[in-house]
Amino acid sequence: MIENVFEDTAITLRPTIVEVNLSALRHNVDGIKKAVGDTTIMGIVKANAYGHGLIRTSRELLNMGVNQLGVAFLEEGIALRKAGITAPILVLGGIIGNQITHFLEYDLMITASSVFKLRQIDQTAAVMGKRAQVHLKIDTGMERIGVHYYNAHTLFEAAIASSHCDIIGVFSHFAASHHSDPTFTNLQLERFLEALEFFPRRSLPTPVRHIANSGAILQHPDTILDMVRPGIMMYGVYPSQETKKS
């Protein structure tokens, strides 16, 4: 399949094309479905679906039984919406600058990576008369974005206090699930689950829990919680040479 987002093909033509074997893509997705059972699958299509074509690949994945989509940046989510894709879409990279109105306009799920940003989301949604669909990001060791696990309760408290946010999920990201040594992955999972005890202690329903990426799906079945986020494995690539082959 070939996807050209430019109108004038004559001036944008390149001598290199990518040919995507949809049967191979389906084979990979079927393998993931077999591994995770009835668990919800959020297919990661960031970076132009890892170079495979954002729009077409997303449509094919949804047709193959992937339930939701995950992207890195707002513009990717908007492109999917403008293409007519209505499935739930989470922007994993969070908010950059004054983007919240666009998230709400295009019905995209928002990553809240701090108490400050969650309050910004809540305030903007109130002004617009909308409800924001939010996933809370907990940093369990990746050290990229999110509230550190030992302060997760502050984000959860802010979520409870919000008036215009629907807390759909809580997630974290593994730093080394593709490595053969499981020590740090086990530690991250332990931190994540411990932070999530906040909800049952308050007799509150726990939002959708998701932490398993490609490496975790392949090597750590105990990390398959309520939803998984396969990325590079859908496209036939193992996360590293250390990853157990399936």
Foldseek 3Di string as FASTA:
>chain_A
DFDDPDDDCVVVPDPDTDDADLVLLLVLLVVLCVLQPPFAEAEECEPCLVPPHLAVVVVSSVVSPHQHYEYQDPVSLVVNVVVPDDGAYEHVNADDDPCLVVCQVSVHEGEDADLVVVVVNLVVCVVVVAAHEYEAEEELDLPDTHHHLVCLVVNVVSVVVRDRYDHAYYEYEDDPLQAPDCVSVVSSLVSVVVSQVVAVVVVHDHHQYEYAEQSCSQRPSVRSGRYYYYGPSSRPDRPDPRRDDD
